[in-house]
Amino acid sequence: MEATVAERGQITLPKAVRDALGLTKGTTLKVELDGGRIILRKDVGDALSKMRGRIKLPAGTTTDDVMRELRGRAPGDPYPPPDETE
């Protein structure tokens, strides 16, 4: 795929790239230089900050509980406490 630099330095990303990454009007991209390469990264920090505080956990449930349920126990995870069995 190719993109051409316009007079004001703008480029149009190919539709396949925009669709694959879910890029829409107003999406922020991080621009990095790596030697002679330009790296564009989708800024997911903004999307995460918009979601912060919108998900309510049931009373008595912690985010650690939810992560254990989703991922299972991690090696060295002290939960459940040593006096309890799984």
PDB file of N, CA and C in Angstrom:
ATOM      1  N   MET A   1       0.840  -1.180   0.000  1.00  0.00           N
ATOM      2  CA  MET A   1       0.000   0.000   0.000  1.00  0.00           C
ATOM      3  C   MET A   1       0.881   1.238   0.000  1.00  0.00           C
ATOM      4  N   GLU A   2       0.364   2.286  -0.545  1.00  0.00           N
ATOM      5  CA  GLU A   2       1.106   3.543  -0.598  1.00  0.00           C
ATOM      6  C   GLU A   2       0.216   4.702  -0.180  1.00  0.00           C
ATOM      7  N   ALA A   3       0.847   5.756   0.289  1.00  0.00           N
ATOM      8  CA  ALA A   3       0.166   7.011   0.581  1.00  0.00           C
ATOM      9  C   ALA A   3       1.069   8.128   0.075  1.00  0.00           C
ATOM     10  N   THR A   4       0.483   9.179  -0.480  1.00  0.00           N
ATOM     11  CA  THR A   4       1.244  10.298  -1.027  1.00  0.00           C
ATOM     12  C   THR A   4       1.129  11.489  -0.098  1.00  0.00           C
ATOM     13  N   VAL A   5       2.244  12.172   0.125  1.00  0.00           N
ATOM     14  CA  VAL A   5       2.248  13.363   0.964  1.00  0.00           C
ATOM     15  C   VAL A   5       1.711  14.527   0.139  1.00  0.00           C
ATOM     16  N   ALA A   6       0.683  15.206   0.644  1.00  0.00           N
ATOM     17  CA  ALA A   6       0.082  16.354  -0.039  1.00  0.00           C
ATOM     18  C   ALA A   6       0.878  17.619   0.257  1.00  0.00           C
ATOM     19  N   GLU A   7       0.469  18.701  -0.356  1.00  0.00           N
ATOM     20  CA  GLU A   7       1.179  19.974  -0.259  1.00  0.00           C
ATOM     21  C   GLU A   7       1.397  20.437   1.172  1.00  0.00           C
ATOM     22  N   ARG A   8       0.402  20.247   2.033  1.00  0.00           N
ATOM     23  CA  ARG A   8       0.508  20.704   3.422  1.00  0.00           C
ATOM     24  C   ARG A   8       1.062  19.625   4.351  1.00  0.00           C
ATOM     25  N   GLY A   9       1.630  18.555   3.792  1.00  0.00           N
ATOM     26  CA  GLY A   9       2.223  17.503   4.605  1.00  0.00           C
ATOM     27  C   GLY A   9       1.240  16.446   5.044  1.00  0.00           C
ATOM     28  N   GLN A  10       0.007  16.503   4.554  1.00  0.00           N
ATOM     29  CA  GLN A  10      -1.005  15.540   4.945  1.00  0.00           C
ATOM     30  C   GLN A  10      -0.921  14.282   4.083  1.00  0.00           C
ATOM     31  N   ILE A  11      -1.315  13.156   4.696  1.00  0.00           N
ATOM     32  CA  ILE A  11      -1.421  11.906   3.946  1.00  0.00           C
ATOM     33  C   ILE A  11      -2.796  11.314   4.210  1.00  0.00           C
ATOM     34  N   THR A  12      -3.251  10.506   3.284  1.00  0.00           N
ATOM     35  CA  THR A  12      -4.496   9.772   3.480  1.00  0.00           C
ATOM     36  C   THR A  12      -4.134   8.317   3.656  1.00  0.00           C
ATOM     37  N   LEU A  13      -4.527   7.749   4.791  1.00  0.00           N
ATOM     38  CA  LEU A  13      -4.260   6.334   5.033  1.00  0.00           C
ATOM     39  C   LEU A  13      -5.212   5.496   4.188  1.00  0.00           C
ATOM     40  N   PRO A  14      -4.725   4.418   3.611  1.00  0.00           N
ATOM     41  CA  PRO A  14      -5.604   3.553   2.819  1.00  0.00           C
ATOM     42  C   PRO A  14      -6.790   3.067   3.651  1.00  0.00           C
ATOM     43  N   LYS A  15      -7.943   2.930   3.007  1.00  0.00           N
ATOM     44  CA  LYS A  15      -9.167   2.513   3.686  1.00  0.00           C
ATOM     45  C   LYS A  15      -9.002   1.193   4.418  1.00  0.00           C
ATOM     46  N   ALA A  16      -8.262   0.258   3.840  1.00  0.00           N
ATOM     47  CA  ALA A  16      -8.056  -1.040   4.485  1.00  0.00           C
ATOM     48  C   ALA A  16      -7.360  -0.866   5.835  1.00  0.00           C
ATOM     49  N   VAL A  17      -6.419   0.065   5.915  1.00  0.00           N
ATOM     50  CA  VAL A  17      -5.706   0.332   7.170  1.00  0.00           C
ATOM     51  C   VAL A  17      -6.660   0.974   8.172  1.00  0.00           C
ATOM     52  N   ARG A  18      -7.406   1.976   7.730  1.00  0.00           N
ATOM     53  CA  ARG A  18      -8.358   2.650   8.636  1.00  0.00           C
ATOM     54  C   ARG A  18      -9.380   1.666   9.178  1.00  0.00           C
ATOM     55  N   ASP A  19      -9.904   0.821   8.302  1.00  0.00           N
ATOM     56  CA  ASP A  19     -10.906  -0.156   8.735  1.00  0.00           C
ATOM     57  C   ASP A  19     -10.321  -1.175   9.701  1.00  0.00           C
ATOM     58  N   ALA A  20      -9.113  -1.667   9.408  1.00  0.00           N
ATOM     59  CA  ALA A  20      -8.487  -2.688  10.252  1.00  0.00           C
ATOM     60  C   ALA A  20      -8.223  -2.175  11.664  1.00  0.00           C
ATOM     61  N   LEU A  21      -7.910  -0.886  11.787  1.00  0.00           N
ATOM     62  CA  LEU A  21      -7.590  -0.314  13.092  1.00  0.00           C
ATOM     63  C   LEU A  21      -8.755   0.440  13.720  1.00  0.00           C
ATOM     64  N   GLY A  22      -9.875   0.512  13.012  1.00  0.00           N
ATOM     65  CA  GLY A  22     -11.026   1.237  13.546  1.00  0.00           C
ATOM     66  C   GLY A  22     -10.783   2.728  13.642  1.00  0.00           C
ATOM     67  N   LEU A  23     -10.028   3.276  12.692  1.00  0.00           N
ATOM     68  CA  LEU A  23      -9.732   4.709  12.695  1.00  0.00           C
ATOM     69  C   LEU A  23     -10.899   5.471  12.083  1.00  0.00           C
ATOM     70  N   THR A  24     -11.386   6.464  12.791  1.00  0.00           N
ATOM     71  CA  THR A  24     -12.466   7.303  12.300  1.00  0.00           C
ATOM     72  C   THR A  24     -12.041   8.754  12.432  1.00  0.00           C
ATOM     73  N   LYS A  25     -12.842   9.649  11.887  1.00  0.00           N
ATOM     74  CA  LYS A  25     -12.537  11.076  11.961  1.00  0.00           C
ATOM     75  C   LYS A  25     -12.306  11.476  13.414  1.00  0.00           C
ATOM     76  N   GLY A  26     -11.204  12.142  13.677  1.00  0.00           N
ATOM     77  CA  GLY A  26     -10.892  12.595  15.025  1.00  0.00           C
ATOM     78  C   GLY A  26     -10.040  11.645  15.845  1.00  0.00           C
ATOM     79  N   THR A  27      -9.786  10.438  15.338  1.00  0.00           N
ATOM     80  CA  THR A  27      -8.933   9.492  16.058  1.00  0.00           C
ATOM     81  C   THR A  27      -7.526  10.076  16.165  1.00  0.00           C
ATOM     82  N   THR A  28      -6.944  10.013  17.353  1.00  0.00           N
ATOM     83  CA  THR A  28      -5.589  10.517  17.574  1.00  0.00           C
ATOM     84  C   THR A  28      -4.581   9.403  17.319  1.00  0.00           C
ATOM     85  N   LEU A  29      -3.533   9.736  16.562  1.00  0.00           N
ATOM     86  CA  LEU A  29      -2.445   8.799  16.307  1.00  0.00           C
ATOM     87  C   LEU A  29      -1.167   9.346  16.921  1.00  0.00           C
ATOM     88  N   LYS A  30      -0.393   8.482  17.527  1.00  0.00           N
ATOM     89  CA  LYS A  30       0.929   8.849  18.038  1.00  0.00           C
ATOM     90  C   LYS A  30       1.917   8.681  16.895  1.00  0.00           C
ATOM     91  N   VAL A  31       2.808   9.647  16.705  1.00  0.00           N
ATOM     92  CA  VAL A  31       3.793   9.607  15.629  1.00  0.00           C
ATOM     93  C   VAL A  31       5.175   9.445  16.241  1.00  0.00           C
ATOM     94  N   GLU A  32       5.912   8.424  15.789  1.00  0.00           N
ATOM     95  CA  GLU A  32       7.271   8.166  16.279  1.00  0.00           C
ATOM     96  C   GLU A  32       8.210   8.041  15.089  1.00  0.00           C
ATOM     97  N   LEU A  33       9.443   8.442  15.285  1.00  0.00           N
ATOM     98  CA  LEU A  33      10.489   8.249  14.286  1.00  0.00           C
ATOM     99  C   LEU A  33      11.409   7.141  14.748  1.00  0.00           C
ATOM    100  N   ASP A  34      11.746   6.246  13.842  1.00  0.00           N
ATOM    101  CA  ASP A  34      12.654   5.144  14.131  1.00  0.00           C
ATOM    102  C   ASP A  34      13.635   5.063  12.972  1.00  0.00           C
ATOM    103  N   GLY A  35      14.739   5.798  13.110  1.00  0.00           N
ATOM    104  CA  GLY A  35      15.677   5.874  11.990  1.00  0.00           C
ATOM    105  C   GLY A  35      14.985   6.552  10.826  1.00  0.00           C
ATOM    106  N   GLY A  36      14.890   5.854   9.699  1.00  0.00           N
ATOM    107  CA  GLY A  36      14.231   6.404   8.525  1.00  0.00           C
ATOM    108  C   GLY A  36      12.769   6.003   8.404  1.00  0.00           C
ATOM    109  N   ARG A  37      12.193   5.449   9.493  1.00  0.00           N
ATOM    110  CA  ARG A  37      10.792   5.003   9.441  1.00  0.00           C
ATOM    111  C   ARG A  37       9.903   5.924  10.265  1.00  0.00           C
ATOM    112  N   ILE A  38       8.674   6.053   9.831  1.00  0.00           N
ATOM    113  CA  ILE A  38       7.647   6.751  10.601  1.00  0.00           C
ATOM    114  C   ILE A  38       6.704   5.683  11.137  1.00  0.00           C
ATOM    115  N   ILE A  39       6.462   5.702  12.432  1.00  0.00           N
ATOM    116  CA  ILE A  39       5.570   4.733  13.053  1.00  0.00           C
ATOM    117  C   ILE A  39       4.352   5.481  13.580  1.00  0.00           C
ATOM    118  N   LEU A  40       3.168   5.051  13.156  1.00  0.00           N
ATOM    119  CA  LEU A  40       1.916   5.614  13.644  1.00  0.00           C
ATOM    120  C   LEU A  40       1.278   4.597  14.564  1.00  0.00           C
ATOM    121  N   ARG A  41       0.872   5.033  15.740  1.00  0.00           N
ATOM    122  CA  ARG A  41       0.203   4.148  16.697  1.00  0.00           C
ATOM    123  C   ARG A  41      -1.121   4.778  17.103  1.00  0.00           C
ATOM    124  N   LYS A  42      -2.150   3.950  17.155  1.00  0.00           N
ATOM    125  CA  LYS A  42      -3.452   4.417  17.613  1.00  0.00           C
ATOM    126  C   LYS A  42      -3.345   4.736  19.099  1.00  0.00           C
ATOM    127  N   ASP A  43      -3.824   5.912  19.492  1.00  0.00           N
ATOM    128  CA  ASP A  43      -3.771   6.333  20.894  1.00  0.00           C
ATOM    129  C   ASP A  43      -4.960   5.731  21.628  1.00  0.00           C
ATOM    130  N   VAL A  44      -4.731   4.659  22.383  1.00  0.00           N
ATOM    131  CA  VAL A  44      -5.821   4.006  23.109  1.00  0.00           C
ATOM    132  C   VAL A  44      -6.023   4.613  24.488  1.00  0.00           C
ATOM    133  N   GLY A  45      -5.107   5.452  24.928  1.00  0.00           N
ATOM    134  CA  GLY A  45      -5.233   6.085  26.239  1.00  0.00           C
ATOM    135  C   GLY A  45      -6.496   6.912  26.354  1.00  0.00           C
ATOM    136  N   ASP A  46      -6.862   7.612  25.294  1.00  0.00           N
ATOM    137  CA  ASP A  46      -8.059   8.441  25.317  1.00  0.00           C
ATOM    138  C   ASP A  46      -9.304   7.571  25.458  1.00  0.00           C
ATOM    139  N   ALA A  47      -9.342   6.461  24.739  1.00  0.00           N
ATOM    140  CA  ALA A  47     -10.489   5.555  24.831  1.00  0.00           C
ATOM    141  C   ALA A  47     -10.605   4.973  26.234  1.00  0.00           C
ATOM    142  N   LEU A  48      -9.466   4.641  26.840  1.00  0.00           N
ATOM    143  CA  LEU A  48      -9.488   4.094  28.196  1.00  0.00           C
ATOM    144  C   LEU A  48      -9.960   5.133  29.203  1.00  0.00           C
ATOM    145  N   SER A  49      -9.505   6.373  29.037  1.00  0.00           N
ATOM    146  CA  SER A  49      -9.907   7.411  29.989  1.00  0.00           C
ATOM    147  C   SER A  49     -11.405   7.692  29.890  1.00  0.00           C
ATOM    148  N   LYS A  50     -11.996   7.547  28.698  1.00  0.00           N
ATOM    149  CA  LYS A  50     -13.437   7.750  28.545  1.00  0.00           C
ATOM    150  C   LYS A  50     -14.224   6.664  29.273  1.00  0.00           C
ATOM    151  N   MET A  51     -13.664   5.467  29.380  1.00  0.00           N
ATOM    152  CA  MET A  51     -14.357   4.358  30.034  1.00  0.00           C
ATOM    153  C   MET A  51     -14.171   4.350  31.550  1.00  0.00           C
ATOM    154  N   ARG A  52     -13.164   5.051  32.041  1.00  0.00           N
ATOM    155  CA  ARG A  52     -12.853   5.026  33.467  1.00  0.00           C
ATOM    156  C   ARG A  52     -14.074   5.435  34.295  1.00  0.00           C
ATOM    157  N   GLY A  53     -14.420   4.594  35.252  1.00  0.00           N
ATOM    158  CA  GLY A  53     -15.514   4.882  36.160  1.00  0.00           C
ATOM    159  C   GLY A  53     -16.886   4.487  35.658  1.00  0.00           C
ATOM    160  N   ARG A  54     -16.990   3.943  34.458  1.00  0.00           N
ATOM    161  CA  ARG A  54     -18.302   3.597  33.907  1.00  0.00           C
ATOM    162  C   ARG A  54     -18.736   2.182  34.245  1.00  0.00           C
ATOM    163  N   ILE A  55     -17.818   1.339  34.645  1.00  0.00           N
ATOM    164  CA  ILE A  55     -18.148  -0.043  34.966  1.00  0.00           C
ATOM    165  C   ILE A  55     -18.219  -0.176  36.477  1.00  0.00           C
ATOM    166  N   LYS A  56     -19.376  -0.594  36.961  1.00  0.00           N
ATOM    167  CA  LYS A  56     -19.576  -0.753  38.404  1.00  0.00           C
ATOM    168  C   LYS A  56     -19.477  -2.223  38.765  1.00  0.00           C
ATOM    169  N   LEU A  57     -18.671  -2.516  39.771  1.00  0.00           N
ATOM    170  CA  LEU A  57     -18.514  -3.887  40.249  1.00  0.00           C
ATOM    171  C   LEU A  57     -19.540  -4.162  41.347  1.00  0.00           C
ATOM    172  N   PRO A  58     -19.967  -5.413  41.458  1.00  0.00           N
ATOM    173  CA  PRO A  58     -20.872  -5.749  42.561  1.00  0.00           C
ATOM    174  C   PRO A  58     -20.205  -5.456  43.911  1.00  0.00           C
ATOM    175  N   ALA A  59     -21.000  -5.156  44.900  1.00  0.00           N
ATOM    176  CA  ALA A  59     -20.479  -4.862  46.239  1.00  0.00           C
ATOM    177  C   ALA A  59     -19.613  -6.019  46.722  1.00  0.00           C
ATOM    178  N   GLY A  60     -18.476  -5.703  47.298  1.00  0.00           N
ATOM    179  CA  GLY A  60     -17.572  -6.720  47.827  1.00  0.00           C
ATOM    180  C   GLY A  60     -16.662  -7.343  46.787  1.00  0.00           C
ATOM    181  N   THR A  61     -16.768  -6.942  45.511  1.00  0.00           N
ATOM    182  CA  THR A  61     -15.922  -7.481  44.447  1.00  0.00           C
ATOM    183  C   THR A  61     -14.834  -6.476  44.121  1.00  0.00           C
ATOM    184  N   THR A  62     -13.609  -6.961  44.002  1.00  0.00           N
ATOM    185  CA  THR A  62     -12.493  -6.087  43.653  1.00  0.00           C
ATOM    186  C   THR A  62     -12.085  -6.347  42.205  1.00  0.00           C
ATOM    187  N   THR A  63     -11.302  -5.422  41.656  1.00  0.00           N
ATOM    188  CA  THR A  63     -10.787  -5.635  40.294  1.00  0.00           C
ATOM    189  C   THR A  63      -9.895  -6.862  40.253  1.00  0.00           C
ATOM    190  N   ASP A  64      -9.190  -7.158  41.355  1.00  0.00           N
ATOM    191  CA  ASP A  64      -8.365  -8.371  41.403  1.00  0.00           C
ATOM    192  C   ASP A  64      -9.237  -9.616  41.268  1.00  0.00           C
ATOM    193  N   ASP A  65     -10.403  -9.610  41.901  1.00  0.00           N
ATOM    194  CA  ASP A  65     -11.332 -10.742  41.789  1.00  0.00           C
ATOM    195  C   ASP A  65     -11.756 -10.947  40.333  1.00  0.00           C
ATOM    196  N   VAL A  66     -12.078  -9.858  39.660  1.00  0.00           N
ATOM    197  CA  VAL A  66     -12.511  -9.936  38.264  1.00  0.00           C
ATOM    198  C   VAL A  66     -11.376 -10.459  37.387  1.00  0.00           C
ATOM    199  N   MET A  67     -10.160  -9.972  37.618  1.00  0.00           N
ATOM    200  CA  MET A  67      -9.015 -10.423  36.815  1.00  0.00           C
ATOM    201  C   MET A  67      -8.743 -11.904  37.044  1.00  0.00           C
ATOM    202  N   ARG A  68      -8.864 -12.382  38.283  1.00  0.00           N
ATOM    203  CA  ARG A  68      -8.672 -13.808  38.556  1.00  0.00           C
ATOM    204  C   ARG A  68      -9.727 -14.639  37.821  1.00  0.00           C
ATOM    205  N   GLU A  69     -10.954 -14.135  37.800  1.00  0.00           N
ATOM    206  CA  GLU A  69     -12.021 -14.857  37.120  1.00  0.00           C
ATOM    207  C   GLU A  69     -11.762 -14.922  35.613  1.00  0.00           C
ATOM    208  N   LEU A  70     -11.259 -13.844  35.047  1.00  0.00           N
ATOM    209  CA  LEU A  70     -10.991 -13.803  33.611  1.00  0.00           C
ATOM    210  C   LEU A  70      -9.746 -14.587  33.212  1.00  0.00           C
ATOM    211  N   ARG A  71      -8.677 -14.433  33.998  1.00  0.00           N
ATOM    212  CA  ARG A  71      -7.371 -14.982  33.623  1.00  0.00           C
ATOM    213  C   ARG A  71      -6.951 -16.218  34.396  1.00  0.00           C
ATOM    214  N   GLY A  72      -7.590 -16.475  35.507  1.00  0.00           N
ATOM    215  CA  GLY A  72      -7.125 -17.549  36.377  1.00  0.00           C
ATOM    216  C   GLY A  72      -6.082 -17.004  37.330  1.00  0.00           C
ATOM    217  N   ARG A  73      -5.636 -17.837  38.219  1.00  0.00           N
ATOM    218  CA  ARG A  73      -4.638 -17.396  39.199  1.00  0.00           C
ATOM    219  C   ARG A  73      -3.274 -17.309  38.558  1.00  0.00           C
ATOM    220  N   ALA A  74      -2.531 -16.318  38.937  1.00  0.00           N
ATOM    221  CA  ALA A  74      -1.160 -16.148  38.469  1.00  0.00           C
ATOM    222  C   ALA A  74      -0.223 -16.908  39.405  1.00  0.00           C
ATOM    223  N   PRO A  75       0.928 -17.367  38.898  1.00  0.00           N
ATOM    224  CA  PRO A  75       1.892 -18.014  39.785  1.00  0.00           C
ATOM    225  C   PRO A  75       2.259 -17.065  40.934  1.00  0.00           C
ATOM    226  N   GLY A  76       2.246 -17.584  42.145  1.00  0.00           N
ATOM    227  CA  GLY A  76       2.588 -16.764  43.308  1.00  0.00           C
ATOM    228  C   GLY A  76       1.429 -15.943  43.840  1.00  0.00           C
ATOM    229  N   ASP A  77       0.253 -16.052  43.220  1.00  0.00           N
ATOM    230  CA  ASP A  77      -0.924 -15.322  43.685  1.00  0.00           C
ATOM    231  C   ASP A  77      -1.318 -15.854  45.064  1.00  0.00           C
ATOM    232  N   PRO A  78      -1.353 -14.997  46.075  1.00  0.00           N
ATOM    233  CA  PRO A  78      -1.645 -15.460  47.426  1.00  0.00           C
ATOM    234  C   PRO A  78      -3.118 -15.780  47.665  1.00  0.00           C
ATOM    235  N   TYR A  79      -3.946 -15.608  46.641  1.00  0.00           N
ATOM    236  CA  TYR A  79      -5.384 -15.839  46.818  1.00  0.00           C
ATOM    237  C   TYR A  79      -5.756 -17.211  46.293  1.00  0.00           C
ATOM    238  N   PRO A  80      -6.503 -18.033  46.908  1.00  0.00           N
ATOM    239  CA  PRO A  80      -7.035 -17.817  48.258  1.00  0.00           C
ATOM    240  C   PRO A  80      -5.923 -17.920  49.294  1.00  0.00           C
ATOM    241  N   PRO A  81      -6.184 -17.398  50.471  1.00  0.00           N
ATOM    242  CA  PRO A  81      -5.166 -17.456  51.532  1.00  0.00           C
ATOM    243  C   PRO A  81      -4.703 -18.902  51.772  1.00  0.00           C
ATOM    244  N   PRO A  82      -3.460 -19.084  52.236  1.00  0.00           N
ATOM    245  CA  PRO A  82      -2.888 -20.408  52.392  1.00  0.00           C
ATOM    246  C   PRO A  82      -3.707 -21.384  53.234  1.00  0.00           C
ATOM    247  N   ASP A  83      -4.542 -20.876  54.167  1.00  0.00           N
ATOM    248  CA  ASP A  83      -5.297 -21.798  55.014  1.00  0.00           C
ATOM    249  C   ASP A  83      -6.558 -22.319  54.325  1.00  0.00           C
ATOM    250  N   GLU A  84      -6.879 -21.788  53.127  1.00  0.00           N
ATOM    251  CA  GLU A  84      -8.038 -22.266  52.375  1.00  0.00           C
ATOM    252  C   GLU A  84      -7.563 -23.141  51.227  1.00  0.00           C
ATOM    253  N   THR A  85      -8.370 -24.096  50.820  1.00  0.00           N
ATOM    254  CA  THR A  85      -8.021 -24.939  49.674  1.00  0.00           C
ATOM    255  C   THR A  85      -8.862 -24.537  48.488  1.00  0.00           C
ATOM    256  N   GLU A  86      -8.368 -24.847  47.291  1.00  0.00           N
ATOM    257  CA  GLU A  86      -9.074 -24.479  46.065  1.00  0.00           C
ATOM    258  C   GLU A  86     -10.164 -25.451  45.758  1.00  0.00           C
TER     259      GLU A  86
END
